[in-house]
Amino acid sequence: FRTNKEDRPFALFAGFNHFRMTSIFGAALLYDETTESFVWLFKTFL
């Protein structure tokens, strides 16, 4: 997904709950999709 007027990547962490419905575990707005941004995001998520 790309959202807002700056066209920034919108990221979702998601999975299945006990009804096999989608559960959202966290969300992020990223400046770019570089390794550095993803490293920061995954560390922050954990």
ModelCIF file with pLDDT and N, C-alpha, C, O atoms, coordinates in Angstrom:
data_MODEL
#
_entry.id   MODEL 
#
_entity.id                         1 
_entity.type                       polymer 
_entity.pdbx_number_of_molecules   1 
#
_entity_poly.entity_id                      1 
_entity_poly.type                           'polypeptide(L)' 
_entity_poly.nstd_linkage                   no 
_entity_poly.nstd_monomer                   no 
_entity_poly.pdbx_seq_one_letter_code       FRTNKEDRPFALFAGFNHFRMTSIFGAALLYDETTESFVWLFKTFL 
_entity_poly.pdbx_seq_one_letter_code_can   FRTNKEDRPFALFAGFNHFRMTSIFGAALLYDETTESFVWLFKTFL 
_entity_poly.pdbx_strand_id                 A 
#
loop_
_entity_poly_seq.entity_id 
_entity_poly_seq.num 
_entity_poly_seq.mon_id 
_entity_poly_seq.hetero 
1 1  PHE n 
1 2  ARG n 
1 3  THR n 
1 4  ASN n 
1 5  LYS n 
1 6  GLU n 
1 7  ASP n 
1 8  ARG n 
1 9  PRO n 
1 10 PHE n 
1 11 ALA n 
1 12 LEU n 
1 13 PHE n 
1 14 ALA n 
1 15 GLY n 
1 16 PHE n 
1 17 ASN n 
1 18 HIS n 
1 19 PHE n 
1 20 ARG n 
1 21 MET n 
1 22 THR n 
1 23 SER n 
1 24 ILE n 
1 25 PHE n 
1 26 GLY n 
1 27 ALA n 
1 28 ALA n 
1 29 LEU n 
1 30 LEU n 
1 31 TYR n 
1 32 ASP n 
1 33 GLU n 
1 34 THR n 
1 35 THR n 
1 36 GLU n 
1 37 SER n 
1 38 PHE n 
1 39 VAL n 
1 40 TRP n 
1 41 LEU n 
1 42 PHE n 
1 43 LYS n 
1 44 THR n 
1 45 PHE n 
1 46 LEU n 
#
_struct_asym.id          A 
_struct_asym.entity_id   1 
#
loop_
_ma_qa_metric.id 
_ma_qa_metric.mode 
_ma_qa_metric.name 
_ma_qa_metric.software_group_id 
_ma_qa_metric.type 
1 global pLDDT . pLDDT 
2 local  pLDDT . pLDDT 
#
_ma_qa_metric_global.metric_id      1 
_ma_qa_metric_global.metric_value   85.78 
_ma_qa_metric_global.model_id       1 
_ma_qa_metric_global.ordinal_id     1 
#
loop_
_ma_qa_metric_local.label_asym_id 
_ma_qa_metric_local.label_comp_id 
_ma_qa_metric_local.label_seq_id 
_ma_qa_metric_local.metric_id 
_ma_qa_metric_local.metric_value 
_ma_qa_metric_local.model_id 
_ma_qa_metric_local.ordinal_id 
A PHE 1  2 67.00 1 1  
A ARG 2  2 59.00 1 2  
A THR 3  2 50.00 1 3  
A ASN 4  2 46.00 1 4  
A LYS 5  2 49.00 1 5  
A GLU 6  2 55.00 1 6  
A ASP 7  2 63.00 1 7  
A ARG 8  2 74.00 1 8  
A PRO 9  2 82.00 1 9  
A PHE 10 2 85.00 1 10 
A ALA 11 2 89.00 1 11 
A LEU 12 2 90.00 1 12 
A PHE 13 2 94.00 1 13 
A ALA 14 2 93.00 1 14 
A GLY 15 2 93.00 1 15 
A PHE 16 2 92.00 1 16 
A ASN 17 2 93.00 1 17 
A HIS 18 2 92.00 1 18 
A PHE 19 2 92.00 1 19 
A ARG 20 2 91.00 1 20 
A MET 21 2 91.00 1 21 
A THR 22 2 90.00 1 22 
A SER 23 2 92.00 1 23 
A ILE 24 2 93.00 1 24 
A PHE 25 2 95.00 1 25 
A GLY 26 2 94.00 1 26 
A ALA 27 2 92.00 1 27 
A ALA 28 2 91.00 1 28 
A LEU 29 2 86.00 1 29 
A LEU 30 2 88.00 1 30 
A TYR 31 2 84.00 1 31 
A ASP 32 2 85.00 1 32 
A GLU 33 2 88.00 1 33 
A THR 34 2 90.00 1 34 
A THR 35 2 93.00 1 35 
A GLU 36 2 93.00 1 36 
A SER 37 2 92.00 1 37 
A PHE 38 2 94.00 1 38 
A VAL 39 2 95.00 1 39 
A TRP 40 2 95.00 1 40 
A LEU 41 2 95.00 1 41 
A PHE 42 2 96.00 1 42 
A LYS 43 2 96.00 1 43 
A THR 44 2 96.00 1 44 
A PHE 45 2 97.00 1 45 
A LEU 46 2 96.00 1 46 
#
loop_
_atom_site.group_PDB 
_atom_site.id 
_atom_site.type_symbol 
_atom_site.label_atom_id 
_atom_site.label_alt_id 
_atom_site.label_comp_id 
_atom_site.label_asym_id 
_atom_site.label_entity_id 
_atom_site.label_seq_id 
_atom_site.pdbx_PDB_ins_code 
_atom_site.Cartn_x 
_atom_site.Cartn_y 
_atom_site.Cartn_z 
_atom_site.occupancy 
_atom_site.B_iso_or_equiv 
_atom_site.pdbx_formal_charge 
_atom_site.auth_seq_id 
_atom_site.auth_comp_id 
_atom_site.auth_asym_id 
_atom_site.auth_atom_id 
_atom_site.pdbx_PDB_model_num 
ATOM 1   N N  . PHE A 1 1  ? 0.825   -1.198  0.000  1.00 67.00 ? 1  PHE A N  1 
ATOM 2   C CA . PHE A 1 1  ? 0.000   0.000   0.000  1.00 67.00 ? 1  PHE A CA 1 
ATOM 3   C C  . PHE A 1 1  ? 0.861   1.251   0.000  1.00 67.00 ? 1  PHE A C  1 
ATOM 4   O O  . PHE A 1 1  ? 1.896   1.311   0.663  1.00 67.00 ? 1  PHE A O  1 
ATOM 5   N N  . ARG A 1 2  ? 0.420   2.242   -0.750 1.00 59.00 ? 2  ARG A N  1 
ATOM 6   C CA . ARG A 1 2  ? 1.060   3.556   -0.711 1.00 59.00 ? 2  ARG A CA 1 
ATOM 7   C C  . ARG A 1 2  ? -0.016  4.546   -0.314 1.00 59.00 ? 2  ARG A C  1 
ATOM 8   O O  . ARG A 1 2  ? -1.092  4.577   -0.911 1.00 59.00 ? 2  ARG A O  1 
ATOM 9   N N  . THR A 1 3  ? 0.271   5.349   0.688  1.00 50.00 ? 3  THR A N  1 
ATOM 10  C CA . THR A 1 3  ? -0.770  6.224   1.192  1.00 50.00 ? 3  THR A CA 1 
ATOM 11  C C  . THR A 1 3  ? -0.234  7.606   1.488  1.00 50.00 ? 3  THR A C  1 
ATOM 12  O O  . THR A 1 3  ? 0.978   7.821   1.481  1.00 50.00 ? 3  THR A O  1 
ATOM 13  N N  . ASN A 1 4  ? -1.109  8.527   1.743  1.00 46.00 ? 4  ASN A N  1 
ATOM 14  C CA . ASN A 1 4  ? -0.951  9.956   2.005  1.00 46.00 ? 4  ASN A CA 1 
ATOM 15  C C  . ASN A 1 4  ? -0.267  10.667  0.843  1.00 46.00 ? 4  ASN A C  1 
ATOM 16  O O  . ASN A 1 4  ? 0.244   10.034  -0.081 1.00 46.00 ? 4  ASN A O  1 
ATOM 17  N N  . LYS A 1 5  ? -0.270  11.985  0.910  1.00 49.00 ? 5  LYS A N  1 
ATOM 18  C CA . LYS A 1 5  ? 0.155   12.767  -0.251 1.00 49.00 ? 5  LYS A CA 1 
ATOM 19  C C  . LYS A 1 5  ? 1.636   12.658  -0.552 1.00 49.00 ? 5  LYS A C  1 
ATOM 20  O O  . LYS A 1 5  ? 2.060   13.006  -1.654 1.00 49.00 ? 5  LYS A O  1 
ATOM 21  N N  . GLU A 1 6  ? 2.451   12.178  0.409  1.00 55.00 ? 6  GLU A N  1 
ATOM 22  C CA . GLU A 1 6  ? 3.870   11.963  0.134  1.00 55.00 ? 6  GLU A CA 1 
ATOM 23  C C  . GLU A 1 6  ? 4.123   10.610  -0.511 1.00 55.00 ? 6  GLU A C  1 
ATOM 24  O O  . GLU A 1 6  ? 5.265   10.293  -0.845 1.00 55.00 ? 6  GLU A O  1 
ATOM 25  N N  . ASP A 1 7  ? 3.065   9.795   -0.695 1.00 63.00 ? 7  ASP A N  1 
ATOM 26  C CA . ASP A 1 7  ? 3.189   8.481   -1.322 1.00 63.00 ? 7  ASP A CA 1 
ATOM 27  C C  . ASP A 1 7  ? 4.163   7.589   -0.569 1.00 63.00 ? 7  ASP A C  1 
ATOM 28  O O  . ASP A 1 7  ? 4.978   6.897   -1.179 1.00 63.00 ? 7  ASP A O  1 
ATOM 29  N N  . ARG A 1 8  ? 4.078   7.608   0.755  1.00 74.00 ? 8  ARG A N  1 
ATOM 30  C CA . ARG A 1 8  ? 4.990   6.818   1.578  1.00 74.00 ? 8  ARG A CA 1 
ATOM 31  C C  . ARG A 1 8  ? 4.493   5.380   1.684  1.00 74.00 ? 8  ARG A C  1 
ATOM 32  O O  . ARG A 1 8  ? 3.285   5.150   1.731  1.00 74.00 ? 8  ARG A O  1 
ATOM 33  N N  . PRO A 1 9  ? 5.407   4.410   1.723  1.00 82.00 ? 9  PRO A N  1 
ATOM 34  C CA . PRO A 1 9  ? 4.985   3.000   1.887  1.00 82.00 ? 9  PRO A CA 1 
ATOM 35  C C  . PRO A 1 9  ? 4.290   2.807   3.237  1.00 82.00 ? 9  PRO A C  1 
ATOM 36  O O  . PRO A 1 9  ? 4.770   3.268   4.274  1.00 82.00 ? 9  PRO A O  1 
ATOM 37  N N  . PHE A 1 10 ? 3.165   2.125   3.197  1.00 85.00 ? 10 PHE A N  1 
ATOM 38  C CA . PHE A 1 10 ? 2.415   1.795   4.409  1.00 85.00 ? 10 PHE A CA 1 
ATOM 39  C C  . PHE A 1 10 ? 2.572   0.295   4.650  1.00 85.00 ? 10 PHE A C  1 
ATOM 40  O O  . PHE A 1 10 ? 2.214   -0.509  3.790  1.00 85.00 ? 10 PHE A O  1 
ATOM 41  N N  . ALA A 1 11 ? 3.103   -0.087  5.808  1.00 89.00 ? 11 ALA A N  1 
ATOM 42  C CA . ALA A 1 11 ? 3.418   -1.485  6.091  1.00 89.00 ? 11 ALA A CA 1 
ATOM 43  C C  . ALA A 1 11 ? 2.514   -2.037  7.181  1.00 89.00 ? 11 ALA A C  1 
ATOM 44  O O  . ALA A 1 11 ? 2.172   -1.338  8.134  1.00 89.00 ? 11 ALA A O  1 
ATOM 45  N N  . LEU A 1 12 ? 2.132   -3.298  7.029  1.00 90.00 ? 12 LEU A N  1 
ATOM 46  C CA . LEU A 1 12 ? 1.287   -3.973  8.013  1.00 90.00 ? 12 LEU A CA 1 
ATOM 47  C C  . LEU A 1 12 ? 1.924   -5.293  8.436  1.00 90.00 ? 12 LEU A C  1 
ATOM 48  O O  . LEU A 1 12 ? 2.383   -6.068  7.596  1.00 90.00 ? 12 LEU A O  1 
ATOM 49  N N  . PHE A 1 13 ? 1.949   -5.543  9.744  1.00 94.00 ? 13 PHE A N  1 
ATOM 50  C CA . PHE A 1 13 ? 2.245   -6.866  10.286 1.00 94.00 ? 13 PHE A CA 1 
ATOM 51  C C  . PHE A 1 13 ? 0.903   -7.515  10.598 1.00 94.00 ? 13 PHE A C  1 
ATOM 52  O O  . PHE A 1 13 ? 0.094   -6.934  11.321 1.00 94.00 ? 13 PHE A O  1 
ATOM 53  N N  . ALA A 1 14 ? 0.653   -8.702  10.069 1.00 93.00 ? 14 ALA A N  1 
ATOM 54  C CA . ALA A 1 14 ? -0.649  -9.333  10.264 1.00 93.00 ? 14 ALA A CA 1 
ATOM 55  C C  . ALA A 1 14 ? -0.506  -10.839 10.364 1.00 93.00 ? 14 ALA A C  1 
ATOM 56  O O  . ALA A 1 14 ? 0.552   -11.394 10.068 1.00 93.00 ? 14 ALA A O  1 
ATOM 57  N N  . GLY A 1 15 ? -1.577  -11.496 10.781 1.00 93.00 ? 15 GLY A N  1 
ATOM 58  C CA . GLY A 1 15 ? -1.588  -12.953 10.900 1.00 93.00 ? 15 GLY A CA 1 
ATOM 59  C C  . GLY A 1 15 ? -3.013  -13.461 11.057 1.00 93.00 ? 15 GLY A C  1 
ATOM 60  O O  . GLY A 1 15 ? -3.967  -12.694 10.933 1.00 93.00 ? 15 GLY A O  1 
ATOM 61  N N  . PHE A 1 16 ? -3.159  -14.766 11.331 1.00 92.00 ? 16 PHE A N  1 
ATOM 62  C CA . PHE A 1 16 ? -4.469  -15.373 11.538 1.00 92.00 ? 16 PHE A CA 1 
ATOM 63  C C  . PHE A 1 16 ? -4.767  -15.477 13.028 1.00 92.00 ? 16 PHE A C  1 
ATOM 64  O O  . PHE A 1 16 ? -3.890  -15.826 13.818 1.00 92.00 ? 16 PHE A O  1 
ATOM 65  N N  . ASN A 1 17 ? -6.012  -15.173 13.412 1.00 93.00 ? 17 ASN A N  1 
ATOM 66  C CA . ASN A 1 17 ? -6.429  -15.443 14.788 1.00 93.00 ? 17 ASN A CA 1 
ATOM 67  C C  . ASN A 1 17 ? -7.105  -16.812 14.849 1.00 93.00 ? 17 ASN A C  1 
ATOM 68  O O  . ASN A 1 17 ? -7.021  -17.584 13.894 1.00 93.00 ? 17 ASN A O  1 
ATOM 69  N N  . HIS A 1 18 ? -7.776  -17.119 15.961 1.00 92.00 ? 18 HIS A N  1 
ATOM 70  C CA . HIS A 1 18 ? -8.352  -18.450 16.140 1.00 92.00 ? 18 HIS A CA 1 
ATOM 71  C C  . HIS A 1 18 ? -9.583  -18.687 15.280 1.00 92.00 ? 18 HIS A C  1 
ATOM 72  O O  . HIS A 1 18 ? -10.057 -19.819 15.190 1.00 92.00 ? 18 HIS A O  1 
ATOM 73  N N  . PHE A 1 19 ? -10.116 -17.636 14.642 1.00 92.00 ? 19 PHE A N  1 
ATOM 74  C CA . PHE A 1 19 ? -11.219 -17.811 13.697 1.00 92.00 ? 19 PHE A CA 1 
ATOM 75  C C  . PHE A 1 19 ? -10.695 -17.793 12.255 1.00 92.00 ? 19 PHE A C  1 
ATOM 76  O O  . PHE A 1 19 ? -11.474 -17.750 11.303 1.00 92.00 ? 19 PHE A O  1 
ATOM 77  N N  . ARG A 1 20 ? -9.368  -17.827 12.111 1.00 91.00 ? 20 ARG A N  1 
ATOM 78  C CA . ARG A 1 20 ? -8.717  -17.680 10.810 1.00 91.00 ? 20 ARG A CA 1 
ATOM 79  C C  . ARG A 1 20 ? -9.142  -16.382 10.137 1.00 91.00 ? 20 ARG A C  1 
ATOM 80  O O  . ARG A 1 20 ? -9.249  -16.307 8.913  1.00 91.00 ? 20 ARG A O  1 
ATOM 81  N N  . MET A 1 21 ? -9.381  -15.371 10.949 1.00 91.00 ? 21 MET A N  1 
ATOM 82  C CA . MET A 1 21 ? -9.604  -14.020 10.458 1.00 91.00 ? 21 MET A CA 1 
ATOM 83  C C  . MET A 1 21 ? -8.292  -13.247 10.616 1.00 91.00 ? 21 MET A C  1 
ATOM 84  O O  . MET A 1 21 ? -7.441  -13.605 11.430 1.00 91.00 ? 21 MET A O  1 
ATOM 85  N N  . THR A 1 22 ? -8.148  -12.194 9.835  1.00 90.00 ? 22 THR A N  1 
ATOM 86  C CA . THR A 1 22 ? -6.908  -11.430 9.867  1.00 90.00 ? 22 THR A CA 1 
ATOM 87  C C  . THR A 1 22 ? -6.809  -10.600 11.135 1.00 90.00 ? 22 THR A C  1 
ATOM 88  O O  . THR A 1 22 ? -7.728  -9.855  11.474 1.00 90.00 ? 22 THR A O  1 
ATOM 89  N N  . SER A 1 23 ? -5.688  -10.734 11.834 1.00 92.00 ? 23 SER A N  1 
ATOM 90  C CA . SER A 1 23 ? -5.370  -9.894  12.979 1.00 92.00 ? 23 SER A CA 1 
ATOM 91  C C  . SER A 1 23 ? -4.196  -9.005  12.618 1.00 92.00 ? 23 SER A C  1 
ATOM 92  O O  . SER A 1 23 ? -3.202  -9.477  12.067 1.00 92.00 ? 23 SER A O  1 
ATOM 93  N N  . ILE A 1 24 ? -4.307  -7.726  12.925 1.00 93.00 ? 24 ILE A N  1 
ATOM 94  C CA . ILE A 1 24 ? -3.222  -6.778  12.663 1.00 93.00 ? 24 ILE A CA 1 
ATOM 95  C C  . ILE A 1 24 ? -2.398  -6.632  13.931 1.00 93.00 ? 24 ILE A C  1 
ATOM 96  O O  . ILE A 1 24 ? -2.939  -6.368  15.005 1.00 93.00 ? 24 ILE A O  1 
ATOM 97  N N  . PHE A 1 25 ? -1.083  -6.806  13.805 1.00 95.00 ? 25 PHE A N  1 
ATOM 98  C CA . PHE A 1 25 ? -0.187  -6.766  14.958 1.00 95.00 ? 25 PHE A CA 1 
ATOM 99  C C  . PHE A 1 25 ? 0.591   -5.453  15.068 1.00 95.00 ? 25 PHE A C  1 
ATOM 100 O O  . PHE A 1 25 ? 1.191   -5.175  16.106 1.00 95.00 ? 25 PHE A O  1 
ATOM 101 N N  . GLY A 1 26 ? 0.583   -4.664  14.030 1.00 94.00 ? 26 GLY A N  1 
ATOM 102 C CA . GLY A 1 26 ? 1.317   -3.402  14.064 1.00 94.00 ? 26 GLY A CA 1 
ATOM 103 C C  . GLY A 1 26 ? 1.314   -2.776  12.686 1.00 94.00 ? 26 GLY A C  1 
ATOM 104 O O  . GLY A 1 26 ? 1.060   -3.454  11.691 1.00 94.00 ? 26 GLY A O  1 
ATOM 105 N N  . ALA A 1 27 ? 1.598   -1.474  12.624 1.00 92.00 ? 27 ALA A N  1 
ATOM 106 C CA . ALA A 1 27 ? 1.588   -0.761  11.352 1.00 92.00 ? 27 ALA A CA 1 
ATOM 107 C C  . ALA A 1 27 ? 2.724   0.246   11.331 1.00 92.00 ? 27 ALA A C  1 
ATOM 108 O O  . ALA A 1 27 ? 3.238   0.655   12.372 1.00 92.00 ? 27 ALA A O  1 
ATOM 109 N N  . ALA A 1 28 ? 3.102   0.634   10.126 1.00 91.00 ? 28 ALA A N  1 
ATOM 110 C CA . ALA A 1 28 ? 4.214   1.571   9.998  1.00 91.00 ? 28 ALA A CA 1 
ATOM 111 C C  . ALA A 1 28 ? 4.051   2.421   8.750  1.00 91.00 ? 28 ALA A C  1 
ATOM 112 O O  . ALA A 1 28 ? 3.516   1.971   7.737  1.00 91.00 ? 28 ALA A O  1 
ATOM 113 N N  . LEU A 1 29 ? 4.521   3.654   8.841  1.00 86.00 ? 29 LEU A N  1 
ATOM 114 C CA . LEU A 1 29 ? 4.700   4.524   7.681  1.00 86.00 ? 29 LEU A CA 1 
ATOM 115 C C  . LEU A 1 29 ? 6.201   4.676   7.488  1.00 86.00 ? 29 LEU A C  1 
ATOM 116 O O  . LEU A 1 29 ? 6.915   5.105   8.394  1.00 86.00 ? 29 LEU A O  1 
ATOM 117 N N  . LEU A 1 30 ? 6.667   4.321   6.303  1.00 88.00 ? 30 LEU A N  1 
ATOM 118 C CA . LEU A 1 30 ? 8.103   4.329   6.038  1.00 88.00 ? 30 LEU A CA 1 
ATOM 119 C C  . LEU A 1 30 ? 8.485   5.470   5.098  1.00 88.00 ? 30 LEU A C  1 
ATOM 120 O O  . LEU A 1 30 ? 7.696   5.898   4.255  1.00 88.00 ? 30 LEU A O  1 
ATOM 121 N N  . TYR A 1 31 ? 9.694   5.941   5.263  1.00 84.00 ? 31 TYR A N  1 
ATOM 122 C CA . TYR A 1 31 ? 10.222  6.973   4.364  1.00 84.00 ? 31 TYR A CA 1 
ATOM 123 C C  . TYR A 1 31 ? 10.627  6.353   3.030  1.00 84.00 ? 31 TYR A C  1 
ATOM 124 O O  . TYR A 1 31 ? 10.406  6.935   1.968  1.00 84.00 ? 31 TYR A O  1 
ATOM 125 N N  . ASP A 1 32 ? 11.224  5.158   3.102  1.00 85.00 ? 32 ASP A N  1 
ATOM 126 C CA . ASP A 1 32 ? 11.643  4.443   1.899  1.00 85.00 ? 32 ASP A CA 1 
ATOM 127 C C  . ASP A 1 32 ? 11.662  2.947   2.205  1.00 85.00 ? 32 ASP A C  1 
ATOM 128 O O  . ASP A 1 32 ? 11.330  2.524   3.312  1.00 85.00 ? 32 ASP A O  1 
ATOM 129 N N  . GLU A 1 33 ? 12.053  2.164   1.218  1.00 88.00 ? 33 GLU A N  1 
ATOM 130 C CA . GLU A 1 33 ? 12.092  0.711   1.382  1.00 88.00 ? 33 GLU A CA 1 
ATOM 131 C C  . GLU A 1 33 ? 13.526  0.205   1.245  1.00 88.00 ? 33 GLU A C  1 
ATOM 132 O O  . GLU A 1 33 ? 13.818  -0.689  0.450  1.00 88.00 ? 33 GLU A O  1 
ATOM 133 N N  . THR A 1 34 ? 14.409  0.802   2.042  1.00 90.00 ? 34 THR A N  1 
ATOM 134 C CA . THR A 1 34 ? 15.805  0.391   2.058  1.00 90.00 ? 34 THR A CA 1 
ATOM 135 C C  . THR A 1 34 ? 16.039  -0.615  3.185  1.00 90.00 ? 34 THR A C  1 
ATOM 136 O O  . THR A 1 34 ? 15.207  -0.768  4.079  1.00 90.00 ? 34 THR A O  1 
ATOM 137 N N  . THR A 1 35 ? 17.171  -1.291  3.129  1.00 93.00 ? 35 THR A N  1 
ATOM 138 C CA . THR A 1 35 ? 17.521  -2.248  4.189  1.00 93.00 ? 35 THR A CA 1 
ATOM 139 C C  . THR A 1 35 ? 17.581  -1.565  5.536  1.00 93.00 ? 35 THR A C  1 
ATOM 140 O O  . THR A 1 35 ? 17.147  -2.129  6.540  1.00 93.00 ? 35 THR A O  1 
ATOM 141 N N  . GLU A 1 36 ? 18.122  -0.340  5.571  1.00 93.00 ? 36 GLU A N  1 
ATOM 142 C CA . GLU A 1 36 ? 18.254  0.391   6.837  1.00 93.00 ? 36 GLU A CA 1 
ATOM 143 C C  . GLU A 1 36 ? 16.896  0.659   7.465  1.00 93.00 ? 36 GLU A C  1 
ATOM 144 O O  . GLU A 1 36 ? 16.726  0.500   8.674  1.00 93.00 ? 36 GLU A O  1 
ATOM 145 N N  . SER A 1 37 ? 15.925  1.066   6.648  1.00 92.00 ? 37 SER A N  1 
ATOM 146 C CA . SER A 1 37 ? 14.579  1.334   7.174  1.00 92.00 ? 37 SER A CA 1 
ATOM 147 C C  . SER A 1 37 ? 13.936  0.056   7.706  1.00 92.00 ? 37 SER A C  1 
ATOM 148 O O  . SER A 1 37 ? 13.302  0.067   8.761  1.00 92.00 ? 37 SER A O  1 
ATOM 149 N N  . PHE A 1 38 ? 14.103  -1.049  6.970  1.00 94.00 ? 38 PHE A N  1 
ATOM 150 C CA . PHE A 1 38 ? 13.508  -2.306  7.409  1.00 94.00 ? 38 PHE A CA 1 
ATOM 151 C C  . PHE A 1 38 ? 14.184  -2.837  8.675  1.00 94.00 ? 38 PHE A C  1 
ATOM 152 O O  . PHE A 1 38 ? 13.515  -3.396  9.545  1.00 94.00 ? 38 PHE A O  1 
ATOM 153 N N  . VAL A 1 39 ? 15.495  -2.667  8.782  1.00 95.00 ? 39 VAL A N  1 
ATOM 154 C CA . VAL A 1 39 ? 16.193  -3.092  9.997  1.00 95.00 ? 39 VAL A CA 1 
ATOM 155 C C  . VAL A 1 39 ? 15.657  -2.333  11.197 1.00 95.00 ? 39 VAL A C  1 
ATOM 156 O O  . VAL A 1 39 ? 15.381  -2.930  12.238 1.00 95.00 ? 39 VAL A O  1 
ATOM 157 N N  . TRP A 1 40 ? 15.506  -1.018  11.062 1.00 95.00 ? 40 TRP A N  1 
ATOM 158 C CA . TRP A 1 40 ? 14.943  -0.224  12.169 1.00 95.00 ? 40 TRP A CA 1 
ATOM 159 C C  . TRP A 1 40 ? 13.532  -0.701  12.514 1.00 95.00 ? 40 TRP A C  1 
ATOM 160 O O  . TRP A 1 40 ? 13.189  -0.850  13.687 1.00 95.00 ? 40 TRP A O  1 
ATOM 161 N N  . LEU A 1 41 ? 12.714  -0.941  11.477 1.00 95.00 ? 41 LEU A N  1 
ATOM 162 C CA . LEU A 1 41 ? 11.324  -1.336  11.707 1.00 95.00 ? 41 LEU A CA 1 
ATOM 163 C C  . LEU A 1 41 ? 11.233  -2.693  12.400 1.00 95.00 ? 41 LEU A C  1 
ATOM 164 O O  . LEU A 1 41 ? 10.474  -2.839  13.358 1.00 95.00 ? 41 LEU A O  1 
ATOM 165 N N  . PHE A 1 42 ? 11.992  -3.692  11.936 1.00 96.00 ? 42 PHE A N  1 
ATOM 166 C CA . PHE A 1 42 ? 11.916  -5.023  12.542 1.00 96.00 ? 42 PHE A CA 1 
ATOM 167 C C  . PHE A 1 42 ? 12.419  -5.012  13.983 1.00 96.00 ? 42 PHE A C  1 
ATOM 168 O O  . PHE A 1 42 ? 11.850  -5.687  14.841 1.00 96.00 ? 42 PHE A O  1 
ATOM 169 N N  . LYS A 1 43 ? 13.472  -4.256  14.252 1.00 96.00 ? 43 LYS A N  1 
ATOM 170 C CA . LYS A 1 43 ? 13.962  -4.143  15.624 1.00 96.00 ? 43 LYS A CA 1 
ATOM 171 C C  . LYS A 1 43 ? 12.921  -3.467  16.514 1.00 96.00 ? 43 LYS A C  1 
ATOM 172 O O  . LYS A 1 43 ? 12.702  -3.884  17.651 1.00 96.00 ? 43 LYS A O  1 
ATOM 173 N N  . THR A 1 44 ? 12.288  -2.430  15.991 1.00 96.00 ? 44 THR A N  1 
ATOM 174 C CA . THR A 1 44 ? 11.256  -1.719  16.755 1.00 96.00 ? 44 THR A CA 1 
ATOM 175 C C  . THR A 1 44 ? 10.054  -2.624  17.004 1.00 96.00 ? 44 THR A C  1 
ATOM 176 O O  . THR A 1 44 ? 9.485   -2.621  18.095 1.00 96.00 ? 44 THR A O  1 
ATOM 177 N N  . PHE A 1 45 ? 9.670   -3.394  15.998 1.00 97.00 ? 45 PHE A N  1 
ATOM 178 C CA . PHE A 1 45 ? 8.537   -4.317  16.139 1.00 97.00 ? 45 PHE A CA 1 
ATOM 179 C C  . PHE A 1 45 ? 8.810   -5.342  17.242 1.00 97.00 ? 45 PHE A C  1 
ATOM 180 O O  . PHE A 1 45 ? 7.950   -5.588  18.088 1.00 97.00 ? 45 PHE A O  1 
ATOM 181 N N  . LEU A 1 46 ? 9.992   -5.932  17.235 1.00 96.00 ? 46 LEU A N  1 
ATOM 182 C CA . LEU A 1 46 ? 10.342  -6.920  18.270 1.00 96.00 ? 46 LEU A CA 1 
ATOM 183 C C  . LEU A 1 46 ? 10.381  -6.276  19.648 1.00 96.00 ? 46 LEU A C  1 
ATOM 184 O O  . LEU A 1 46 ? 10.658  -6.952  20.638 1.00 96.00 ? 46 LEU A O  1 
#
